[in-house]
């Protein structure tokens, strides 16, 4: 056990005024001694000179200084622009009893000068990879909550949100207490929380799971993003089932290439899940198959397959699911599109592996709606109008193919791309939309810090690559509200208007400012204006394809 080094003071940077809402924590935590925690994660413990006595035990964990509570472990992690150690003084002032950091963090922090350190009340835990062990540390601090739950993890580029909603509905039909962790929302026994990330940071996730244990939750469907896997957010989490939907281009601003992206997804199948369920409709899924893997497919032999698929103009569809030992389920979905048959099969495979009765699977899947996923906005207009979250090339193609199958008229799509994200997918999205619509209106999404015109230009370039005889009209309207209005004004009876890209989101980020903006509300307003009717909007949800990866 070493002593804290004497370091040169470093000015603490201001914390941004707009900070994430503090996540929920359990009401009771058994204190964990510093030495036990350090041994568990393989960290060195440093103390101020002259103090070898143990600091106070740890009763919580966070990596945000503004969320520190007395008794917390503060994780001071290296970042791309700042180091968490810059905020250690603020964390100690708030009552942190330990700081987990790396050698660079030690060299940046004036811990030895802080009164709590000088008095032996605080210890410093040093690890070469503090982010990598933070999940394991947090799990220990919060009583290893995933051991007391059946966590059902779903990863893949598209379909995670829909699959977790399908899982939750069937579990509730069976009478189980459920939690939900995902892109749209987090739910604890029916109580809703907004989601900041698809998968929360490691301390927040372990605290959340501990809260679910306190609320007598038994099953937790959870979206597991590639970022979460690569950055260790789910380290320390045990999965009853791990599931894979599909993989297509996305997040190449974070991952080096598609192979790197896939390898991040594949971490869910490194043995941390008791059962593994994989859709093998793509070669990516086939690469994950092991002798004990439960496979699902809409087109090949698999543990679970589908026959007699029948789609209806309402967007509903039915099929027969065939499983092991001659098992058959009659499935009805409110969700259109072949990809939702695949999502449903994946959910069935997960639920069966988790010992959920077949009658509950049939009942639960028939009752699922997914916010912002092919969500219908109906105001008695003579054409279909939907909002969808599709913001990746493959998802755009799948959604517009599903839209085409629903109507006899034209497909009109409003689509933009987000700024400060994977730039390579922009022309691909423009190409996919132009090829599958009679009218593509290229508009803004969340430009963030980028010039919106540059983003639109990349999309337009992709659209123009489609031969003229293979695409519809393509126009540019930067203002998203005006673009939605233009789409509604051009629609005729029997057409379908698809407003894509933002789905459930209620804001638009421009130059660092998030402005209130809801595609659902704007589409409804455009419909009312066209009809001259202020009547109540009827929102009907269907399909669920896209979520953060």
Protein backbone atom coordinates (compact mmCIF):
# COMPACT_ATOMS: atom_id res chain seq x y z
CA UNK A 1 0.00 0.00 0.00
CA UNK A 2 1.53 3.32 -1.09
CA UNK A 3 1.20 6.95 -0.21
CA UNK A 4 -0.28 9.76 -2.26
CA UNK A 5 2.41 11.59 -4.20
CA UNK A 6 3.02 15.28 -3.68
CA UNK A 7 1.73 16.96 -6.82
CA UNK A 8 1.59 20.44 -8.25
CA UNK A 9 -1.87 22.04 -7.94
CA UNK A 10 -4.05 22.00 -11.07
CA UNK A 11 -7.01 24.35 -11.48
CA UNK A 12 -10.33 22.54 -11.50
CA UNK A 13 -12.35 23.18 -14.66
CA UNK A 14 -15.90 24.39 -14.42
CA UNK A 15 -18.59 21.77 -14.81
CA UNK A 16 -21.03 22.56 -17.64
CA UNK A 17 -24.26 24.12 -16.45
CA UNK A 18 -26.37 21.61 -18.37
CA UNK A 19 -25.75 18.26 -16.68
CA UNK A 20 -27.45 14.90 -16.80
CA UNK A 21 -30.18 14.18 -14.28
CA UNK A 22 -28.90 12.13 -11.36
CA UNK A 23 -29.93 8.49 -11.85
CA UNK A 24 -31.91 6.59 -9.20
CA UNK A 25 -30.13 4.75 -6.43
CA UNK A 26 -31.22 2.00 -4.06
CA UNK A 27 -32.46 3.03 -0.63
CA UNK A 28 -30.05 0.72 1.18
CA UNK A 29 -26.48 -0.33 0.37
CA UNK A 30 -24.20 -2.48 2.50
CA UNK A 31 -20.93 -0.52 2.95
CA UNK A 32 -17.88 -1.98 1.20
CA UNK A 33 -14.45 -1.53 2.75
CA UNK A 34 -11.82 0.19 0.60
CA UNK A 35 -9.37 -2.69 0.89
CA UNK A 36 -11.99 -5.24 -0.20
CA UNK A 37 -12.95 -3.11 -3.18
CA UNK A 38 -9.33 -2.57 -4.20
CA UNK A 39 -8.51 -6.28 -3.97
CA UNK A 40 -11.64 -7.15 -5.95
CA UNK A 41 -10.65 -5.00 -8.94
CA UNK A 42 -6.88 -5.32 -8.58
CA UNK A 43 -6.21 -1.66 -7.76
CA UNK A 44 -3.42 -0.10 -5.69
CA UNK A 45 -4.47 2.00 -2.70
CA UNK A 46 -2.64 5.26 -2.05
CA UNK A 47 -3.10 7.39 1.05
CA UNK A 48 -1.84 10.73 2.25
CA UNK A 49 1.54 10.64 4.02
CA UNK A 50 1.17 9.69 7.67
CA UNK A 51 -2.21 7.98 7.30
CA UNK A 52 -2.44 4.21 6.97
CA UNK A 53 -5.82 3.75 8.63
CA UNK A 54 -8.73 2.76 6.45
CA UNK A 55 -10.91 5.48 5.01
CA UNK A 56 -14.68 5.33 5.38
CA UNK A 57 -16.34 2.43 3.51
CA UNK A 58 -17.94 3.00 0.13
CA UNK A 59 -21.75 3.15 -0.23
CA UNK A 60 -22.18 4.36 -3.81
CA UNK A 61 -20.40 5.11 -7.08
CA UNK A 62 -20.51 7.67 -9.87
CA UNK A 63 -18.30 9.11 -12.59
CA UNK A 64 -20.00 12.54 -12.47
CA UNK A 65 -18.73 14.90 -9.79
CA UNK A 66 -22.06 16.74 -9.67
CA UNK A 67 -23.81 13.50 -8.68
CA UNK A 68 -21.49 12.56 -5.82
CA UNK A 69 -23.10 11.70 -2.51
CA UNK A 70 -21.32 11.25 0.83
CA UNK A 71 -19.70 7.82 0.91
CA UNK A 72 -19.25 7.54 -2.86
CA UNK A 73 -16.46 6.20 -4.98
CA UNK A 74 -15.74 8.85 -7.61
CA UNK A 75 -14.42 7.41 -10.88
CA UNK A 76 -12.03 9.93 -12.41
CA UNK A 77 -11.68 8.51 -15.91
CA UNK A 78 -9.55 9.67 -18.83
CA UNK A 79 -11.54 11.26 -21.64
CA UNK A 80 -10.93 12.50 -25.15
CA UNK A 81 -10.95 16.17 -24.14
CA UNK A 82 -10.72 16.30 -20.35
CA UNK A 83 -9.73 13.96 -17.55
CA UNK A 84 -12.22 13.18 -14.80
CA UNK A 85 -9.49 13.91 -12.29
CA UNK A 86 -9.98 17.59 -13.06
CA UNK A 87 -13.24 17.33 -11.09
CA UNK A 88 -11.93 15.26 -8.18
CA UNK A 89 -11.79 18.25 -5.82
CA UNK A 90 -15.49 18.92 -6.43
CA UNK A 91 -16.23 15.24 -5.78
CA UNK A 92 -14.30 15.28 -2.51
CA UNK A 93 -16.06 18.44 -1.39
CA UNK A 94 -19.36 16.60 -1.95
CA UNK A 95 -18.27 13.73 0.31
CA UNK A 96 -16.54 11.14 -1.89
CA UNK A 97 -14.47 8.75 0.26
CA UNK A 98 -12.44 7.25 -2.58
CA UNK A 99 -11.28 8.14 -6.08
CA UNK A 100 -10.67 5.52 -8.78
CA UNK A 101 -8.30 6.77 -11.46
CA UNK A 102 -5.18 5.97 -13.49
CA UNK A 103 -1.60 7.20 -13.21
CA UNK A 104 -2.39 10.23 -15.38
CA UNK A 105 -5.17 11.09 -12.96
CA UNK A 106 -2.79 11.00 -10.03
CA UNK A 107 -0.48 13.41 -11.77
CA UNK A 108 -3.30 15.88 -12.47
CA UNK A 109 -5.00 15.91 -9.09
CA UNK A 110 -4.20 17.90 -5.98
CA UNK A 111 -5.66 15.20 -3.73
CA UNK A 112 -2.83 15.49 -1.24
CA UNK A 113 -3.83 19.11 -0.60
CA UNK A 114 -7.49 18.34 0.12
CA UNK A 115 -8.44 18.40 3.84
CA UNK A 116 -10.29 15.07 3.62
CA UNK A 117 -7.17 13.43 2.23
CA UNK A 118 -4.82 15.02 4.78
CA UNK A 119 -7.08 13.72 7.55
CA UNK A 120 -7.00 10.15 6.17
CA UNK A 121 -10.70 10.15 5.23
CA UNK A 122 -10.12 9.51 1.54
CA UNK A 123 -8.16 6.87 -0.38
CA UNK A 124 -7.06 6.82 -3.99
CA UNK A 125 -7.51 3.60 -5.99
CA UNK A 126 -5.12 3.41 -8.93
CA UNK A 127 -5.65 1.09 -11.89
CA UNK A 128 -4.21 1.02 -15.41
CA UNK A 129 -7.74 0.66 -16.83
CA UNK A 130 -10.16 2.34 -14.41
CA UNK A 131 -13.00 2.38 -16.94
CA UNK A 132 -12.59 -1.33 -17.56
CA UNK A 133 -12.99 -2.24 -13.87
CA UNK A 134 -15.60 0.38 -12.96
CA UNK A 135 -18.53 -1.89 -13.78
CA UNK A 136 -17.14 -4.70 -11.66
CA UNK A 137 -16.47 -2.27 -8.80
CA UNK A 138 -19.96 -0.80 -9.06
CA UNK A 139 -21.55 -4.25 -9.06
CA UNK A 140 -19.75 -5.08 -5.81
CA UNK A 141 -20.77 -1.77 -4.23
CA UNK A 142 -24.45 -2.25 -5.12
CA UNK A 143 -24.65 -5.88 -4.03
CA UNK A 144 -24.21 -7.60 -7.42
CA UNK A 145 -27.83 -6.90 -8.47
CA UNK A 146 -27.74 -8.73 -11.82
CA UNK A 147 -27.26 -11.98 -9.87
CA UNK A 148 -30.72 -11.40 -8.40
CA UNK A 149 -32.37 -10.59 -11.74
CA UNK A 150 -32.75 -12.21 -15.14
CA UNK A 151 -31.21 -9.64 -17.44
CA UNK A 152 -32.08 -10.16 -21.11
CA UNK A 153 -29.53 -8.24 -23.20
CA UNK A 154 -30.20 -7.37 -26.85
CA UNK A 155 -27.54 -5.97 -29.17
CA UNK A 156 -27.36 -5.26 -32.90
CA UNK A 157 -27.64 -2.27 -35.22
CA UNK A 158 -31.41 -2.27 -35.64
CA UNK A 159 -34.29 -3.82 -33.78
CA UNK A 160 -33.05 -3.56 -30.21
CA UNK A 161 -35.82 -1.27 -29.00
CA UNK A 162 -38.56 -3.29 -30.65
CA UNK A 163 -37.21 -6.57 -29.35
CA UNK A 164 -36.98 -5.31 -25.77
CA UNK A 165 -40.56 -4.03 -25.96
CA UNK A 166 -41.69 -7.42 -27.24
CA UNK A 167 -39.85 -9.10 -24.38
CA UNK A 168 -41.32 -6.79 -21.77
CA UNK A 169 -44.89 -7.26 -23.02
CA UNK A 170 -44.67 -11.06 -22.90
CA UNK A 171 -43.08 -10.99 -19.45
CA UNK A 172 -45.84 -8.76 -18.15
CA UNK A 173 -48.45 -11.02 -19.72
CA UNK A 174 -46.93 -13.87 -17.71
CA UNK A 175 -47.24 -11.80 -14.53
CA UNK A 176 -43.55 -11.12 -13.90
CA UNK A 177 -42.25 -7.88 -12.41
CA UNK A 178 -40.26 -6.15 -15.14
CA UNK A 179 -37.72 -3.44 -15.70
CA UNK A 180 -36.67 -2.01 -19.06
CA UNK A 181 -33.44 -0.29 -20.10
CA UNK A 182 -33.23 1.26 -23.54
CA UNK A 183 -33.09 4.08 -26.05
CA UNK A 184 -36.57 5.50 -25.57
CA UNK A 185 -37.01 5.08 -21.84
CA UNK A 186 -36.11 3.18 -18.72
CA UNK A 187 -38.89 1.60 -16.67
CA UNK A 188 -38.85 0.22 -13.16
CA UNK A 189 -41.95 -1.84 -12.36
CA UNK A 190 -44.01 0.42 -14.61
CA UNK A 191 -42.50 3.76 -13.54
CA UNK A 192 -40.93 5.61 -16.46
CA UNK A 193 -37.58 7.40 -16.60
CA UNK A 194 -36.12 9.19 -19.61
CA UNK A 195 -33.01 7.58 -21.10
CA UNK A 196 -29.80 9.59 -21.55
CA UNK A 197 -27.95 6.70 -23.20
CA UNK A 198 -29.10 3.47 -24.81
CA UNK A 199 -27.12 1.71 -22.08
CA UNK A 200 -26.30 3.74 -18.92
CA UNK A 201 -22.78 4.26 -17.62
CA UNK A 202 -21.56 1.41 -15.41
CA UNK A 203 -22.24 2.93 -11.95
CA UNK A 204 -25.64 4.19 -13.04
CA UNK A 205 -26.56 0.80 -14.50
CA UNK A 206 -25.61 -1.12 -11.37
CA UNK A 207 -27.50 1.36 -9.17
CA UNK A 208 -30.51 1.09 -11.48
CA UNK A 209 -30.47 -2.71 -11.32
CA UNK A 210 -30.24 -2.51 -7.52
CA UNK A 211 -33.30 -0.24 -7.47
CA UNK A 212 -35.11 -2.80 -9.60
CA UNK A 213 -34.25 -5.52 -7.09
CA UNK A 214 -35.75 -3.36 -4.33
CA UNK A 215 -38.93 -3.00 -6.42
CA UNK A 216 -39.20 -6.78 -6.79
CA UNK A 217 -38.42 -6.80 -10.48
CA UNK A 218 -37.42 -10.25 -11.73
CA UNK A 219 -36.78 -9.75 -15.48
CA UNK A 220 -34.99 -6.86 -17.20
CA UNK A 221 -34.95 -6.58 -21.02
CA UNK A 222 -32.02 -4.30 -21.83
CA UNK A 223 -30.61 -2.76 -25.00
CA UNK A 224 -26.85 -3.21 -25.10
CA UNK A 225 -25.09 -0.78 -27.44
CA UNK A 226 -21.70 -1.25 -29.06
CA UNK A 227 -20.49 1.79 -27.11
CA UNK A 228 -21.56 0.15 -23.86
CA UNK A 229 -19.74 -3.07 -24.69
CA UNK A 230 -16.57 -1.37 -25.94
CA UNK A 231 -16.46 1.06 -23.01
CA UNK A 232 -17.22 -1.49 -20.30
CA UNK A 233 -20.60 -0.10 -19.23
CA UNK A 234 -22.00 -3.62 -18.82
CA UNK A 235 -18.91 -5.05 -17.12
CA UNK A 236 -20.03 -6.66 -13.89
CA UNK A 237 -23.47 -7.45 -15.34
CA UNK A 238 -24.54 -11.06 -15.66
CA UNK A 239 -26.98 -11.86 -18.46
CA UNK A 240 -29.51 -14.66 -18.35
CA UNK A 241 -29.77 -14.32 -22.14
CA UNK A 242 -27.76 -12.38 -24.72
CA UNK A 243 -29.36 -11.76 -28.13
CA UNK A 244 -28.18 -10.41 -31.51
CA UNK A 245 -30.46 -8.81 -34.10
CA UNK A 246 -28.35 -7.78 -37.10
CA UNK A 247 -25.48 -5.54 -38.13
CA UNK A 248 -25.19 -2.83 -40.77
CA UNK A 249 -23.21 0.37 -41.16
CA UNK A 250 -23.41 2.81 -38.28
CA UNK A 251 -21.17 4.49 -35.71
CA UNK A 252 -18.08 4.45 -37.88
CA UNK A 253 -17.22 7.74 -36.20
CA UNK A 254 -16.57 5.63 -33.07
CA UNK A 255 -15.49 2.28 -34.51
CA UNK A 256 -12.60 1.94 -36.97
CA UNK A 257 -14.65 -0.09 -39.45
CA UNK A 258 -17.50 -2.61 -39.64
CA UNK A 259 -15.28 -5.41 -38.33
CA UNK A 260 -14.39 -3.35 -35.25
CA UNK A 261 -18.08 -2.54 -34.81
CA UNK A 262 -18.95 -6.24 -35.02
CA UNK A 263 -16.25 -7.22 -32.56
CA UNK A 264 -17.73 -4.78 -30.04
CA UNK A 265 -21.16 -6.39 -30.47
CA UNK A 266 -19.60 -9.84 -30.18
CA UNK A 267 -18.45 -9.05 -26.62
CA UNK A 268 -21.97 -9.84 -25.41
CA UNK A 269 -21.29 -13.42 -26.52
CA UNK A 270 -17.98 -13.92 -24.74
CA UNK A 271 -19.50 -16.14 -22.06
CA UNK A 272 -21.13 -13.48 -19.91
CA UNK A 273 -24.64 -14.68 -20.95
CA UNK A 274 -26.03 -18.02 -19.77
CA UNK A 275 -27.93 -18.46 -23.06
CA UNK A 276 -27.20 -16.92 -26.47
CA UNK A 277 -29.86 -16.26 -29.12
CA UNK A 278 -28.75 -15.07 -32.56
CA UNK A 279 -30.57 -14.08 -35.73
CA UNK A 280 -28.68 -15.74 -38.60
CA UNK A 281 -30.37 -13.88 -41.46
CA UNK A 282 -27.02 -12.12 -42.05
CA UNK A 283 -23.46 -13.40 -42.22
CA UNK A 284 -22.61 -11.33 -39.14
CA UNK A 285 -25.05 -13.36 -37.08
CA UNK A 286 -23.75 -16.64 -38.47
CA UNK A 287 -20.29 -15.76 -37.17
CA UNK A 288 -21.62 -15.76 -33.61
CA UNK A 289 -23.06 -19.27 -33.73
CA UNK A 290 -21.59 -21.86 -31.34
CA UNK A 291 -22.75 -25.43 -30.64
CA UNK A 292 -25.23 -24.29 -27.97
CA UNK A 293 -26.43 -21.11 -29.71
CA UNK A 294 -30.19 -20.73 -30.15
CA UNK A 295 -30.67 -19.52 -33.72
CA UNK A 296 -33.57 -17.70 -35.35
CA UNK A 297 -34.17 -17.02 -39.03
CA UNK A 298 -36.88 -15.89 -41.40
CA UNK A 299 -35.20 -17.58 -44.35
CA UNK A 300 -33.05 -20.54 -43.22
CA UNK A 301 -33.12 -23.57 -40.98
CA UNK A 302 -32.83 -22.49 -37.38
CA UNK A 303 -33.94 -23.30 -33.86
CA UNK A 304 -36.80 -20.86 -34.43
CA UNK A 305 -38.25 -20.10 -37.88
CA UNK A 306 -41.41 -18.60 -39.35
CA UNK A 307 -43.95 -19.79 -41.91
CA UNK A 308 -47.31 -18.59 -43.21
CA UNK A 309 -46.41 -14.92 -42.84
CA UNK A 310 -49.42 -12.80 -43.75
CA UNK A 311 -49.35 -8.98 -43.86
CA UNK A 312 -52.45 -6.79 -43.68
CA UNK A 313 -53.05 -3.25 -44.99
CA UNK A 314 -53.39 -2.05 -41.39
CA UNK A 315 -49.71 -2.87 -40.83
CA UNK A 316 -50.51 -5.92 -38.74
CA UNK A 317 -49.11 -9.31 -39.64
CA UNK A 318 -49.41 -12.92 -38.52
CA UNK A 319 -47.16 -15.95 -38.76
CA UNK A 320 -46.48 -19.34 -37.26
CA UNK A 321 -43.29 -19.67 -35.22
CA UNK A 322 -41.70 -23.11 -35.26
CA UNK A 323 -39.41 -24.03 -32.39
CA UNK A 324 -37.58 -27.00 -30.88
CA UNK A 325 -39.32 -30.34 -30.36
CA UNK A 326 -42.12 -29.47 -32.76
CA UNK A 327 -43.25 -26.44 -30.77
CA UNK A 328 -45.53 -24.04 -32.71
CA UNK A 329 -46.82 -20.60 -31.73
CA UNK A 330 -49.47 -18.55 -33.51
CA UNK A 331 -48.12 -15.01 -33.55
CA UNK A 332 -49.96 -11.79 -34.28
CA UNK A 333 -48.07 -8.50 -34.47
CA UNK A 334 -49.21 -4.91 -34.76
CA UNK A 335 -45.85 -4.15 -36.36
CA UNK A 336 -45.32 -4.20 -40.16
CA UNK A 337 -42.31 -5.30 -42.15
CA UNK A 338 -40.31 -8.53 -42.57
CA UNK A 339 -37.69 -7.24 -40.12
CA UNK A 340 -40.32 -7.30 -37.40
CA UNK A 341 -40.92 -10.98 -38.03
CA UNK A 342 -37.20 -11.39 -37.37
CA UNK A 343 -37.44 -9.21 -34.24
CA UNK A 344 -40.39 -11.26 -33.01
CA UNK A 345 -38.60 -14.56 -33.63
CA UNK A 346 -35.60 -13.27 -31.69
CA UNK A 347 -37.87 -12.26 -28.81
CA UNK A 348 -39.53 -15.69 -28.88
CA UNK A 349 -36.15 -17.41 -28.73
CA UNK A 350 -35.08 -15.27 -25.77
CA UNK A 351 -38.35 -15.74 -23.91
CA UNK A 352 -38.39 -19.49 -24.40
CA UNK A 353 -34.78 -19.70 -23.17
CA UNK A 354 -35.85 -17.67 -20.12
CA UNK A 355 -38.65 -20.15 -19.31
CA UNK A 356 -41.57 -17.86 -20.19
CA UNK A 357 -44.74 -19.86 -21.01
CA UNK A 358 -45.78 -19.96 -24.66
CA UNK A 359 -49.28 -18.63 -23.98
CA UNK A 360 -47.77 -15.48 -22.49
CA UNK A 361 -45.46 -15.10 -25.49
CA UNK A 362 -48.40 -15.24 -27.90
CA UNK A 363 -50.48 -12.84 -25.84
CA UNK A 364 -47.68 -10.39 -25.11
CA UNK A 365 -46.39 -10.05 -28.65
CA UNK A 366 -49.87 -9.29 -29.93
CA UNK A 367 -50.14 -6.21 -27.71
CA UNK A 368 -46.89 -4.37 -28.49
CA UNK A 369 -46.63 -0.78 -29.72
CA UNK A 370 -43.25 0.94 -29.94
CA UNK A 371 -42.89 4.74 -29.58
CA UNK A 372 -41.49 6.43 -32.67
CA UNK A 373 -41.24 3.22 -34.68
CA UNK A 374 -43.56 3.43 -37.70
CA UNK A 375 -45.86 5.36 -35.41
CA UNK A 376 -49.06 6.30 -37.19
CA UNK A 377 -50.45 9.80 -36.90
CA UNK A 378 -54.09 9.73 -38.00
CA UNK A 379 -56.44 12.69 -38.32
CA UNK A 380 -58.96 11.19 -40.72
CA UNK A 381 -56.79 12.07 -43.68
CA UNK A 382 -57.06 9.85 -46.76
CA UNK A 383 -53.42 8.82 -46.70
CA UNK A 384 -51.11 7.18 -44.18
CA UNK A 385 -48.70 9.29 -42.14
CA UNK A 386 -46.03 7.78 -39.91
CA UNK A 387 -43.00 8.76 -37.85
CA UNK A 388 -40.01 6.45 -37.62
CA UNK A 389 -36.60 6.50 -35.92
CA UNK A 390 -34.69 4.97 -38.86
CA UNK A 391 -31.38 6.81 -39.14
CA UNK A 392 -29.10 4.22 -40.75
CA UNK A 393 -28.96 3.13 -44.41
CA UNK A 394 -30.22 -0.40 -43.81
CA UNK A 395 -33.01 0.79 -41.54
CA UNK A 396 -34.15 3.44 -44.02
CA UNK A 397 -34.32 0.80 -46.74
CA UNK A 398 -36.26 -1.63 -44.52
CA UNK A 399 -38.74 0.98 -43.34
CA UNK A 400 -39.48 2.27 -46.83
CA UNK A 401 -39.87 -1.26 -48.17
CA UNK A 402 -42.39 -1.89 -45.39
CA UNK A 403 -44.14 1.40 -46.22
CA UNK A 404 -44.34 0.41 -49.89
CA UNK A 405 -46.02 -2.86 -48.95
CA UNK A 406 -48.71 -1.06 -46.96
CA UNK A 407 -50.11 1.26 -49.63
CA UNK A 408 -50.92 1.35 -53.33
CA UNK A 409 -49.99 5.02 -53.74
CA UNK A 410 -46.78 7.00 -53.56
CA UNK A 411 -44.11 6.81 -50.86
CA UNK A 412 -43.11 10.29 -49.67
CA UNK A 413 -40.22 10.49 -47.22
CA UNK A 414 -38.77 13.31 -45.14
CA UNK A 415 -35.21 12.48 -44.10
CA UNK A 416 -32.10 14.12 -42.67
CA UNK A 417 -28.84 13.00 -41.09
CA UNK A 418 -27.35 13.94 -37.74
CA UNK A 419 -24.21 16.03 -37.44
CA UNK A 420 -21.02 15.01 -35.63
CA UNK A 421 -21.72 11.36 -36.40
CA UNK A 422 -20.74 8.79 -39.03
CA UNK A 423 -20.36 10.88 -42.19
CA UNK A 424 -20.00 7.87 -44.50
CA UNK A 425 -23.62 6.84 -44.06
CA UNK A 426 -25.06 10.14 -45.32
CA UNK A 427 -24.88 9.47 -49.07
CA UNK A 428 -25.96 5.88 -48.42
CA UNK A 429 -29.08 7.09 -46.63
CA UNK A 430 -29.83 9.52 -49.44
CA UNK A 431 -29.41 6.72 -51.98
CA UNK A 432 -31.62 4.28 -50.04
CA UNK A 433 -34.42 6.82 -49.66
CA UNK A 434 -34.30 8.11 -53.25
CA UNK A 435 -34.42 4.59 -54.66
CA UNK A 436 -37.50 3.68 -52.62
CA UNK A 437 -39.70 6.75 -52.85
CA UNK A 438 -41.60 8.84 -55.35
CA UNK A 439 -40.58 11.94 -53.42
CA UNK A 440 -37.61 12.41 -51.10
CA UNK A 441 -37.44 15.66 -49.16
CA UNK A 442 -33.93 16.09 -47.78
CA UNK A 443 -33.99 18.17 -44.60
CA UNK A 444 -32.16 18.76 -41.33
CA UNK A 445 -32.08 16.29 -38.45
CA UNK A 446 -29.79 17.19 -35.52
CA UNK A 447 -26.98 19.11 -37.23
CA UNK A 448 -25.26 19.69 -33.89
CA UNK A 449 -22.02 21.61 -34.52
CA UNK A 450 -21.92 21.04 -38.29
CA UNK A 451 -23.18 23.23 -41.12
CA UNK A 452 -26.61 21.72 -41.97
CA UNK A 453 -26.14 22.54 -45.66
CA UNK A 454 -23.03 20.36 -45.80
CA UNK A 455 -24.92 17.42 -44.33
CA UNK A 456 -27.77 17.83 -46.79
CA UNK A 457 -25.31 18.09 -49.68
CA UNK A 458 -23.82 14.71 -48.80
CA UNK A 459 -27.28 13.13 -48.73
CA UNK A 460 -28.24 14.78 -52.03
CA UNK A 461 -25.06 13.49 -53.63
CA UNK A 462 -26.01 9.95 -52.70
CA UNK A 463 -29.54 10.43 -53.98
CA UNK A 464 -28.30 11.76 -57.31
CA UNK A 465 -26.14 8.67 -57.76
CA UNK A 466 -29.33 6.67 -58.32
CA UNK A 467 -30.17 6.56 -62.06
CA UNK A 468 -33.05 8.90 -62.90
CA UNK A 469 -35.29 6.04 -64.02
CA UNK A 470 -34.79 4.28 -60.68
CA UNK A 471 -35.66 7.11 -58.32
CA UNK A 472 -38.38 9.61 -57.68
CA UNK A 473 -38.19 13.35 -57.25
CA UNK A 474 -35.63 14.71 -54.80
CA UNK A 475 -35.95 18.18 -53.27
CA UNK A 476 -34.18 20.03 -50.48
CA UNK A 477 -35.99 21.91 -47.69
CA UNK A 478 -33.64 22.63 -44.80
CA UNK A 479 -36.26 23.68 -42.28
CA UNK A 480 -37.62 20.41 -40.88
CA UNK A 481 -41.01 21.84 -39.99
CA UNK A 482 -41.42 23.20 -43.50
CA UNK A 483 -40.28 19.88 -44.97
CA UNK A 484 -42.92 17.97 -43.02
CA UNK A 485 -45.58 20.46 -44.10
CA UNK A 486 -44.51 20.13 -47.74
CA UNK A 487 -44.73 16.33 -47.57
CA UNK A 488 -48.26 16.49 -46.16
CA UNK A 489 -49.37 19.03 -48.76
CA UNK A 490 -48.10 16.81 -51.62
CA UNK A 491 -49.74 13.61 -50.35
CA UNK A 492 -52.78 12.21 -52.13
CA UNK A 493 -55.30 9.52 -51.14
CA UNK A 494 -53.60 6.13 -50.91
CA UNK A 495 -50.10 7.58 -50.36
CA UNK A 496 -47.86 7.19 -47.32
CA UNK A 497 -45.79 9.96 -45.73
CA UNK A 498 -42.80 8.73 -43.72
CA UNK A 499 -41.05 11.26 -41.48
CA UNK A 500 -37.85 9.44 -40.62
CA UNK A 501 -34.78 9.85 -38.47
CA UNK A 502 -35.92 11.23 -35.11
CA UNK A 503 -38.82 9.03 -34.06
CA UNK A 504 -39.55 9.48 -30.36
CA UNK A 505 -37.14 12.39 -29.90
CA UNK A 506 -38.54 15.68 -28.60
CA UNK A 507 -35.68 18.01 -29.43
CA UNK A 508 -33.48 19.17 -32.30
CA UNK A 509 -29.85 20.03 -31.55
CA UNK A 510 -28.47 22.96 -33.52
CA UNK A 511 -25.10 24.59 -32.71
CA UNK A 512 -25.05 23.13 -29.22
CA UNK A 513 -28.61 24.16 -28.33
CA UNK A 514 -31.45 21.63 -28.11
CA UNK A 515 -34.68 23.20 -29.37
CA UNK A 516 -38.07 21.59 -28.62
CA UNK A 517 -39.10 19.62 -31.69
CA UNK A 518 -41.26 16.53 -32.07
CA UNK A 519 -41.82 14.90 -35.46
CA UNK A 520 -45.08 13.46 -34.13
CA UNK A 521 -46.39 16.86 -33.07
CA UNK A 522 -45.20 18.59 -36.23
CA UNK A 523 -46.76 15.92 -38.45
CA UNK A 524 -50.03 16.20 -36.56
CA UNK A 525 -49.97 19.99 -36.87
CA UNK A 526 -49.37 19.75 -40.63
CA UNK A 527 -52.29 17.36 -40.98
CA UNK A 528 -54.59 19.64 -38.99
CA UNK A 529 -53.56 22.61 -41.10
CA UNK A 530 -54.27 20.75 -44.33
CA UNK A 531 -57.63 19.48 -43.10
CA UNK A 532 -58.59 22.69 -41.36
CA UNK A 533 -59.51 20.51 -38.41
CA UNK A 534 -58.27 21.13 -34.85
CA UNK A 535 -59.55 17.70 -33.81
CA UNK A 536 -57.68 15.31 -31.56
CA UNK A 537 -54.86 13.40 -33.17
CA UNK A 538 -54.98 9.61 -33.01
CA UNK A 539 -51.48 8.20 -32.80
CA UNK A 540 -51.25 4.50 -33.63
CA UNK A 541 -47.95 2.80 -33.20
CA UNK A 542 -46.48 0.05 -35.27
CA UNK A 543 -43.11 -1.31 -36.28
CA UNK A 544 -39.93 -0.78 -34.37
CA UNK A 545 -36.75 -0.83 -36.30
CA UNK A 546 -34.16 1.68 -35.24
CA UNK A 547 -32.33 2.52 -32.09
CA UNK A 548 -28.95 3.66 -30.98
CA UNK A 549 -26.43 0.94 -31.54
